[in-house]
Amino acid sequence: MKIEFWSDIVCPYCGLMDHRLHQALARFEHADEVQVIHRSFQLHPDLPREGVSQRELITMAGAPATTVDRVLRPIERAAKAEGLTPYRAVDRTLGPTDFAHELLAYATDQGRGNEIWTAMFRAHFGQARKLWTTEEVLDFAAEVGLDRAGAAEALRSRRYRARVAADQLEAERLGARGAPFLVFDGRFAVPGAIGLDDLLAVMAKAWDESHPAPQPLPVVADAEGICAPDGCAVPDRTI
């Protein structure tokens, strides 16, 4: 089964869903047959390269000041309750994530995509890490064991820019208006964060529909008799 997970590393619900997906797979009986594919969805591509604080972004977006206590603090409390600490949804800086997503595409081609996505979520939300400039992204790449020279060439050439853009276009084609956005085996879409139990239920439903149990064939004629391990029989009497 394939799970496609569109997200942005500055999206607090996305980081929480990444954690929940790991937890769900640890409990899912068919986890060894599940392929998770991370895809890019940039939420704030026009932010200044130096970044802005979360509170500044709320003001810039015209959102109510109550967003902090009504939306973001509950995310932090949920993360803590689920063992994801520290998790800073408020006291952090946000910036454009184009270079970060291009690095993640490079990491995917190195066979480390899922691992590096999780590491980047933990760096941003766990350490309030800024990952907006090429130097910030390359420092992170070196810390997680990616080849800095190879990563630098990938960012300099911008060879992953088209892939990142294509990810977002595909999500929008499928109906996404934000992140997180998850698609299960091309059958079900989940537009937003859901709890662990609900996530497991969707995974089970997608699995069952992709792997239906064999059904008996329809009977089209009456048989004269049948033999089984315990003997042969005809209707209403035993031979």
C-alpha atoms as a PDB file:
ATOM      1  CA  MET A   1       0.000   0.000   0.000  1.00  0.00           C
ATOM      2  CA  LYS A   2       1.175   3.500  -0.822  1.00  0.00           C
ATOM      3  CA  ILE A   3       0.649   6.521   1.421  1.00  0.00           C
ATOM      4  CA  GLU A   4       1.433   9.872  -0.171  1.00  0.00           C
ATOM      5  CA  PHE A   5       1.947  12.631   2.384  1.00  0.00           C
ATOM      6  CA  TRP A   6       1.986  16.256   1.206  1.00  0.00           C
ATOM      7  CA  SER A   7       3.333  18.690   3.765  1.00  0.00           C
ATOM      8  CA  ASP A   8       5.466  21.707   4.523  1.00  0.00           C
ATOM      9  CA  ILE A   9       8.095  21.700   7.236  1.00  0.00           C
ATOM     10  CA  VAL A  10       6.719  24.935   8.756  1.00  0.00           C
ATOM     11  CA  CYS A  11       3.224  23.448   9.125  1.00  0.00           C
ATOM     12  CA  PRO A  12       2.705  22.391  12.772  1.00  0.00           C
ATOM     13  CA  TYR A  13      -0.104  20.007  11.897  1.00  0.00           C
ATOM     14  CA  CYS A  14       2.226  18.378   9.346  1.00  0.00           C
ATOM     15  CA  GLY A  15       4.952  17.712  11.891  1.00  0.00           C
ATOM     16  CA  LEU A  16       2.376  16.232  14.231  1.00  0.00           C
ATOM     17  CA  MET A  17       0.972  14.027  11.467  1.00  0.00           C
ATOM     18  CA  ASP A  18       4.465  12.799  10.599  1.00  0.00           C
ATOM     19  CA  HIS A  19       4.799  11.660  14.216  1.00  0.00           C
ATOM     20  CA  ARG A  20       1.366  10.030  14.162  1.00  0.00           C
ATOM     21  CA  LEU A  21       2.154   8.242  10.921  1.00  0.00           C
ATOM     22  CA  HIS A  22       5.228   6.685  12.533  1.00  0.00           C
ATOM     23  CA  GLN A  23       3.092   5.612  15.491  1.00  0.00           C
ATOM     24  CA  ALA A  24       0.385   4.212  13.226  1.00  0.00           C
ATOM     25  CA  LEU A  25       2.855   2.170  11.206  1.00  0.00           C
ATOM     26  CA  ALA A  26       4.278   0.722  14.425  1.00  0.00           C
ATOM     27  CA  ARG A  27       0.797  -0.643  15.163  1.00  0.00           C
ATOM     28  CA  PHE A  28      -0.300  -1.569  11.624  1.00  0.00           C
ATOM     29  CA  GLU A  29      -0.034  -5.287  10.927  1.00  0.00           C
ATOM     30  CA  HIS A  30       0.900  -4.776   7.274  1.00  0.00           C
ATOM     31  CA  ALA A  31       3.453  -2.022   7.906  1.00  0.00           C
ATOM     32  CA  ASP A  32       6.208  -3.909   6.074  1.00  0.00           C
ATOM     33  CA  GLU A  33       4.099  -3.636   2.909  1.00  0.00           C
ATOM     34  CA  VAL A  34       3.418   0.109   3.231  1.00  0.00           C
ATOM     35  CA  GLN A  35       5.391   2.645   1.209  1.00  0.00           C
ATOM     36  CA  VAL A  36       5.321   6.220   2.519  1.00  0.00           C
ATOM     37  CA  ILE A  37       6.087   8.891  -0.063  1.00  0.00           C
ATOM     38  CA  HIS A  38       6.619  12.455   1.159  1.00  0.00           C
ATOM     39  CA  ARG A  39       5.655  15.217  -1.242  1.00  0.00           C
ATOM     40  CA  SER A  40       6.083  18.983  -1.104  1.00  0.00           C
ATOM     41  CA  PHE A  41       3.434  21.610  -0.448  1.00  0.00           C
ATOM     42  CA  GLN A  42       4.819  25.095   0.189  1.00  0.00           C
ATOM     43  CA  LEU A  43       2.566  27.229   2.352  1.00  0.00           C
ATOM     44  CA  HIS A  44       4.436  30.544   2.435  1.00  0.00           C
ATOM     45  CA  PRO A  45       6.749  30.781  -0.595  1.00  0.00           C
ATOM     46  CA  ASP A  46       6.675  34.591  -0.563  1.00  0.00           C
ATOM     47  CA  LEU A  47       7.975  35.150   2.955  1.00  0.00           C
ATOM     48  CA  PRO A  48      11.222  37.129   3.241  1.00  0.00           C
ATOM     49  CA  ARG A  49      14.373  35.013   3.168  1.00  0.00           C
ATOM     50  CA  GLU A  50      15.355  36.202   6.653  1.00  0.00           C
ATOM     51  CA  GLY A  51      12.060  34.868   7.996  1.00  0.00           C
ATOM     52  CA  VAL A  52       9.338  36.262  10.234  1.00  0.00           C
ATOM     53  CA  SER A  53       8.088  35.219  13.646  1.00  0.00           C
ATOM     54  CA  GLN A  54       4.940  33.162  13.957  1.00  0.00           C
ATOM     55  CA  ARG A  55       3.196  36.077  15.642  1.00  0.00           C
ATOM     56  CA  GLU A  56       4.235  38.420  12.802  1.00  0.00           C
ATOM     57  CA  LEU A  57       2.856  35.970  10.254  1.00  0.00           C
ATOM     58  CA  ILE A  58      -0.493  35.897  12.049  1.00  0.00           C
ATOM     59  CA  THR A  59      -0.654  39.681  11.810  1.00  0.00           C
ATOM     60  CA  MET A  60       0.476  39.689   8.157  1.00  0.00           C
ATOM     61  CA  ALA A  61      -2.209  37.145   7.265  1.00  0.00           C
ATOM     62  CA  GLY A  62      -4.911  39.168   8.972  1.00  0.00           C
ATOM     63  CA  ALA A  63      -5.735  36.247  11.272  1.00  0.00           C
ATOM     64  CA  PRO A  64      -7.150  36.995  14.729  1.00  0.00           C
ATOM     65  CA  ALA A  65      -4.721  37.282  17.636  1.00  0.00           C
ATOM     66  CA  THR A  66      -6.630  34.443  19.291  1.00  0.00           C
ATOM     67  CA  THR A  67      -5.063  32.055  16.738  1.00  0.00           C
ATOM     68  CA  VAL A  68      -2.181  31.453  19.149  1.00  0.00           C
ATOM     69  CA  ASP A  69      -4.357  30.244  22.024  1.00  0.00           C
ATOM     70  CA  ARG A  70      -7.162  28.787  19.929  1.00  0.00           C
ATOM     71  CA  VAL A  71      -5.105  26.847  17.360  1.00  0.00           C
ATOM     72  CA  LEU A  72      -1.361  26.758  17.978  1.00  0.00           C
ATOM     73  CA  ARG A  73      -1.112  26.127  21.720  1.00  0.00           C
ATOM     74  CA  PRO A  74      -3.510  23.148  21.441  1.00  0.00           C
ATOM     75  CA  ILE A  75      -1.180  21.667  18.807  1.00  0.00           C
ATOM     76  CA  GLU A  76       1.716  21.966  21.255  1.00  0.00           C
ATOM     77  CA  ARG A  77      -0.349  20.318  23.995  1.00  0.00           C
ATOM     78  CA  ALA A  78      -1.379  17.486  21.662  1.00  0.00           C
ATOM     79  CA  ALA A  79       2.244  16.915  20.662  1.00  0.00           C
ATOM     80  CA  LYS A  80       3.328  16.761  24.295  1.00  0.00           C
ATOM     81  CA  ALA A  81       0.537  14.322  25.157  1.00  0.00           C
ATOM     82  CA  GLU A  82       1.704  12.088  22.298  1.00  0.00           C
ATOM     83  CA  GLY A  83       5.363  12.108  23.334  1.00  0.00           C
ATOM     84  CA  LEU A  84       6.569  14.641  20.761  1.00  0.00           C
ATOM     85  CA  THR A  85       8.584  17.116  22.827  1.00  0.00           C
ATOM     86  CA  PRO A  86       9.729  19.786  22.636  1.00  0.00           C
ATOM     87  CA  TYR A  87       7.375  21.044  19.965  1.00  0.00           C
ATOM     88  CA  ARG A  88       7.249  24.779  19.274  1.00  0.00           C
ATOM     89  CA  ALA A  89       4.280  25.820  17.166  1.00  0.00           C
ATOM     90  CA  VAL A  90       4.371  29.439  18.383  1.00  0.00           C
ATOM     91  CA  ASP A  91       7.863  30.532  19.424  1.00  0.00           C
ATOM     92  CA  ARG A  92       9.625  30.084  16.100  1.00  0.00           C
ATOM     93  CA  THR A  93      10.471  31.802  12.838  1.00  0.00           C
ATOM     94  CA  LEU A  94       8.929  30.916   9.474  1.00  0.00           C
ATOM     95  CA  GLY A  95      10.380  31.520   6.039  1.00  0.00           C
ATOM     96  CA  PRO A  96      10.253  30.312   2.428  1.00  0.00           C
ATOM     97  CA  THR A  97      10.868  26.574   2.232  1.00  0.00           C
ATOM     98  CA  ASP A  98      11.879  26.186  -1.409  1.00  0.00           C
ATOM     99  CA  PHE A  99      15.497  25.277  -0.622  1.00  0.00           C
ATOM    100  CA  ALA A 100      14.391  22.966   2.176  1.00  0.00           C
ATOM    101  CA  HIS A 101      12.043  21.089  -0.163  1.00  0.00           C
ATOM    102  CA  GLU A 102      14.709  20.820  -2.834  1.00  0.00           C
ATOM    103  CA  LEU A 103      17.069  19.332  -0.260  1.00  0.00           C
ATOM    104  CA  LEU A 104      14.363  16.867   0.744  1.00  0.00           C
ATOM    105  CA  ALA A 105      13.969  15.830  -2.905  1.00  0.00           C
ATOM    106  CA  TYR A 106      17.740  15.341  -3.091  1.00  0.00           C
ATOM    107  CA  ALA A 107      17.625  13.245   0.104  1.00  0.00           C
ATOM    108  CA  THR A 108      14.857  11.124  -1.429  1.00  0.00           C
ATOM    109  CA  ASP A 109      17.080  10.375  -4.400  1.00  0.00           C
ATOM    110  CA  GLN A 110      19.762   9.331  -1.926  1.00  0.00           C
ATOM    111  CA  GLY A 111      17.350   6.801  -0.411  1.00  0.00           C
ATOM    112  CA  ARG A 112      16.875   8.789   2.801  1.00  0.00           C
ATOM    113  CA  GLY A 113      13.761  10.799   2.072  1.00  0.00           C
ATOM    114  CA  ASN A 114      11.452   9.710   4.889  1.00  0.00           C
ATOM    115  CA  GLU A 115      14.230   9.846   7.464  1.00  0.00           C
ATOM    116  CA  ILE A 116      15.287  13.355   6.481  1.00  0.00           C
ATOM    117  CA  TRP A 117      11.715  14.669   6.359  1.00  0.00           C
ATOM    118  CA  THR A 118      11.259  13.566   9.973  1.00  0.00           C
ATOM    119  CA  ALA A 119      14.636  15.006  10.966  1.00  0.00           C
ATOM    120  CA  MET A 120      13.718  18.349   9.403  1.00  0.00           C
ATOM    121  CA  PHE A 121      10.401  18.480  11.231  1.00  0.00           C
ATOM    122  CA  ARG A 122      12.224  17.782  14.484  1.00  0.00           C
ATOM    123  CA  ALA A 123      14.844  20.432  13.740  1.00  0.00           C
ATOM    124  CA  HIS A 124      12.281  23.109  12.985  1.00  0.00           C
ATOM    125  CA  PHE A 125       9.680  22.363  15.661  1.00  0.00           C
ATOM    126  CA  GLY A 126      12.009  20.872  18.247  1.00  0.00           C
ATOM    127  CA  GLN A 127      14.770  23.482  17.982  1.00  0.00           C
ATOM    128  CA  ALA A 128      12.933  26.368  16.258  1.00  0.00           C
ATOM    129  CA  ARG A 129      15.523  25.895  13.526  1.00  0.00           C
ATOM    130  CA  LYS A 130      15.617  28.364  10.609  1.00  0.00           C
ATOM    131  CA  LEU A 131      15.925  26.592   7.250  1.00  0.00           C
ATOM    132  CA  TRP A 132      15.317  29.365   4.745  1.00  0.00           C
ATOM    133  CA  THR A 133      18.715  30.155   3.183  1.00  0.00           C
ATOM    134  CA  THR A 134      21.007  27.819   1.286  1.00  0.00           C
ATOM    135  CA  GLU A 135      23.588  27.999   4.082  1.00  0.00           C
ATOM    136  CA  GLU A 136      21.025  27.131   6.745  1.00  0.00           C
ATOM    137  CA  VAL A 137      19.774  24.198   4.672  1.00  0.00           C
ATOM    138  CA  LEU A 138      23.282  22.958   3.853  1.00  0.00           C
ATOM    139  CA  ASP A 139      24.337  23.133   7.504  1.00  0.00           C
ATOM    140  CA  PHE A 140      21.343  20.944   8.323  1.00  0.00           C
ATOM    141  CA  ALA A 141      22.246  18.570   5.474  1.00  0.00           C
ATOM    142  CA  ALA A 142      25.740  18.074   6.860  1.00  0.00           C
ATOM    143  CA  GLU A 143      24.405  17.476  10.368  1.00  0.00           C
ATOM    144  CA  VAL A 144      22.124  14.658   9.215  1.00  0.00           C
ATOM    145  CA  GLY A 145      24.897  12.997   7.225  1.00  0.00           C
ATOM    146  CA  LEU A 146      24.029  14.077   3.691  1.00  0.00           C
ATOM    147  CA  ASP A 147      26.916  14.917   1.398  1.00  0.00           C
ATOM    148  CA  ARG A 148      27.230  18.691   1.693  1.00  0.00           C
ATOM    149  CA  ALA A 149      28.941  19.095  -1.678  1.00  0.00           C
ATOM    150  CA  GLY A 150      26.274  17.025  -3.430  1.00  0.00           C
ATOM    151  CA  ALA A 151      23.509  18.915  -1.667  1.00  0.00           C
ATOM    152  CA  ALA A 152      25.133  22.248  -2.532  1.00  0.00           C
ATOM    153  CA  GLU A 153      25.275  21.316  -6.206  1.00  0.00           C
ATOM    154  CA  ALA A 154      21.615  20.261  -6.134  1.00  0.00           C
ATOM    155  CA  LEU A 155      20.565  23.597  -4.636  1.00  0.00           C
ATOM    156  CA  ARG A 156      22.845  25.649  -6.872  1.00  0.00           C
ATOM    157  CA  SER A 157      21.580  23.978 -10.043  1.00  0.00           C
ATOM    158  CA  ARG A 158      17.946  24.106  -8.850  1.00  0.00           C
ATOM    159  CA  ARG A 159      17.444  20.757 -10.530  1.00  0.00           C
ATOM    160  CA  TYR A 160      14.751  19.752  -8.041  1.00  0.00           C
ATOM    161  CA  ARG A 161      12.712  22.938  -8.340  1.00  0.00           C
ATOM    162  CA  ALA A 162      10.434  21.486 -11.023  1.00  0.00           C
ATOM    163  CA  ARG A 163       9.786  18.339  -8.978  1.00  0.00           C
ATOM    164  CA  VAL A 164       8.825  20.388  -5.930  1.00  0.00           C
ATOM    165  CA  ALA A 165       6.456  22.500  -8.026  1.00  0.00           C
ATOM    166  CA  ALA A 166       4.962  19.388  -9.649  1.00  0.00           C
ATOM    167  CA  ASP A 167       4.220  17.907  -6.223  1.00  0.00           C
ATOM    168  CA  GLN A 168       2.169  20.926  -5.277  1.00  0.00           C
ATOM    169  CA  LEU A 169       0.303  21.015  -8.579  1.00  0.00           C
ATOM    170  CA  GLU A 170      -0.603  17.338  -8.194  1.00  0.00           C
ATOM    171  CA  ALA A 171      -1.923  17.913  -4.674  1.00  0.00           C
ATOM    172  CA  GLU A 172      -4.047  20.816  -5.888  1.00  0.00           C
ATOM    173  CA  ARG A 173      -5.342  18.683  -8.775  1.00  0.00           C
ATOM    174  CA  LEU A 174      -6.434  16.083  -6.224  1.00  0.00           C
ATOM    175  CA  GLY A 175      -8.294  18.701  -4.223  1.00  0.00           C
ATOM    176  CA  ALA A 176      -5.749  19.887  -1.636  1.00  0.00           C
ATOM    177  CA  ARG A 177      -6.122  23.437  -0.404  1.00  0.00           C
ATOM    178  CA  GLY A 178      -3.466  23.191   2.265  1.00  0.00           C
ATOM    179  CA  ALA A 179      -1.362  20.770   4.265  1.00  0.00           C
ATOM    180  CA  PRO A 180      -1.193  18.137   5.554  1.00  0.00           C
ATOM    181  CA  PHE A 181      -2.839  16.226   2.720  1.00  0.00           C
ATOM    182  CA  LEU A 182      -2.632  12.435   2.647  1.00  0.00           C
ATOM    183  CA  VAL A 183      -3.691  10.027  -0.081  1.00  0.00           C
ATOM    184  CA  PHE A 184      -4.010   6.317   0.647  1.00  0.00           C
ATOM    185  CA  ASP A 185      -3.380   3.979  -2.272  1.00  0.00           C
ATOM    186  CA  GLY A 186      -4.969   6.493  -4.623  1.00  0.00           C
ATOM    187  CA  ARG A 187      -8.352   5.651  -3.072  1.00  0.00           C
ATOM    188  CA  PHE A 188      -8.891   8.014  -0.148  1.00  0.00           C
ATOM    189  CA  ALA A 189      -7.764  11.546   0.618  1.00  0.00           C
ATOM    190  CA  VAL A 190      -7.442  13.041   4.087  1.00  0.00           C
ATOM    191  CA  PRO A 191      -7.253  16.855   3.847  1.00  0.00           C
ATOM    192  CA  GLY A 192      -5.853  17.798   7.244  1.00  0.00           C
ATOM    193  CA  ALA A 193      -4.648  16.326  10.503  1.00  0.00           C
ATOM    194  CA  ILE A 194      -6.510  13.424  12.103  1.00  0.00           C
ATOM    195  CA  GLY A 195      -5.964  11.466  15.309  1.00  0.00           C
ATOM    196  CA  LEU A 196      -3.988   8.261  15.582  1.00  0.00           C
ATOM    197  CA  ASP A 197      -7.009   5.964  15.833  1.00  0.00           C
ATOM    198  CA  ASP A 198      -8.667   7.602  12.843  1.00  0.00           C
ATOM    199  CA  LEU A 199      -5.427   7.336  10.896  1.00  0.00           C
ATOM    200  CA  LEU A 200      -5.224   3.621  11.631  1.00  0.00           C
ATOM    201  CA  ALA A 201      -8.853   3.193  10.565  1.00  0.00           C
ATOM    202  CA  VAL A 202      -8.198   4.870   7.209  1.00  0.00           C
ATOM    203  CA  MET A 203      -5.100   2.735   6.681  1.00  0.00           C
ATOM    204  CA  ALA A 204      -7.092  -0.428   7.421  1.00  0.00           C
ATOM    205  CA  LYS A 205      -9.906   0.624   5.068  1.00  0.00           C
ATOM    206  CA  ALA A 206      -7.476   1.411   2.263  1.00  0.00           C
ATOM    207  CA  TRP A 207      -5.678  -1.894   2.806  1.00  0.00           C
ATOM    208  CA  ASP A 208      -8.909  -3.913   2.794  1.00  0.00           C
ATOM    209  CA  GLU A 209     -10.117  -2.282  -0.407  1.00  0.00           C
ATOM    210  CA  SER A 210      -6.773  -2.853  -2.115  1.00  0.00           C
ATOM    211  CA  HIS A 211      -6.563  -6.455  -0.876  1.00  0.00           C
ATOM    212  CA  PRO A 212     -10.124  -7.836  -0.929  1.00  0.00           C
ATOM    213  CA  ALA A 213     -10.674 -11.252   0.612  1.00  0.00           C
ATOM    214  CA  PRO A 214     -11.353 -14.017  -1.937  1.00  0.00           C
ATOM    215  CA  GLN A 215     -15.084 -14.566  -2.463  1.00  0.00           C
ATOM    216  CA  PRO A 216     -16.765 -17.883  -3.434  1.00  0.00           C
ATOM    217  CA  LEU A 217     -17.768 -18.094  -7.083  1.00  0.00           C
ATOM    218  CA  PRO A 218     -21.514 -18.063  -7.830  1.00  0.00           C
ATOM    219  CA  VAL A 219     -23.195 -21.465  -8.178  1.00  0.00           C
ATOM    220  CA  VAL A 220     -24.782 -21.872 -11.631  1.00  0.00           C
ATOM    221  CA  ALA A 221     -26.069 -25.476 -11.517  1.00  0.00           C
ATOM    222  CA  ASP A 222     -27.144 -28.146  -9.015  1.00  0.00           C
ATOM    223  CA  ALA A 223     -24.557 -30.901  -8.484  1.00  0.00           C
ATOM    224  CA  GLU A 224     -25.373 -34.603  -8.499  1.00  0.00           C
ATOM    225  CA  GLY A 225     -22.961 -35.169  -5.640  1.00  0.00           C
ATOM    226  CA  ILE A 226     -19.680 -34.178  -4.094  1.00  0.00           C
ATOM    227  CA  CYS A 227     -16.777 -35.911  -2.398  1.00  0.00           C
ATOM    228  CA  ALA A 228     -15.040 -34.418   0.620  1.00  0.00           C
ATOM    229  CA  PRO A 229     -12.363 -35.722   2.998  1.00  0.00           C
ATOM    230  CA  ASP A 230     -15.055 -37.327   5.150  1.00  0.00           C
ATOM    231  CA  GLY A 231     -16.799 -39.089   2.274  1.00  0.00           C
ATOM    232  CA  CYS A 232     -19.003 -38.611  -0.779  1.00  0.00           C
ATOM    233  CA  ALA A 233     -22.616 -37.439  -0.748  1.00  0.00           C
ATOM    234  CA  VAL A 234     -25.587 -36.696  -2.956  1.00  0.00           C
ATOM    235  CA  PRO A 235     -28.439 -34.430  -1.937  1.00  0.00           C
ATOM    236  CA  ASP A 236     -30.311 -35.796   1.087  1.00  0.00           C
ATOM    237  CA  ARG A 237     -28.385 -39.125   1.349  1.00  0.00           C
ATOM    238  CA  THR A 238     -24.845 -40.448   1.929  1.00  0.00           C
ATOM    239  CA  ILE A 239     -23.264 -43.118  -0.312  1.00  0.00           C
END
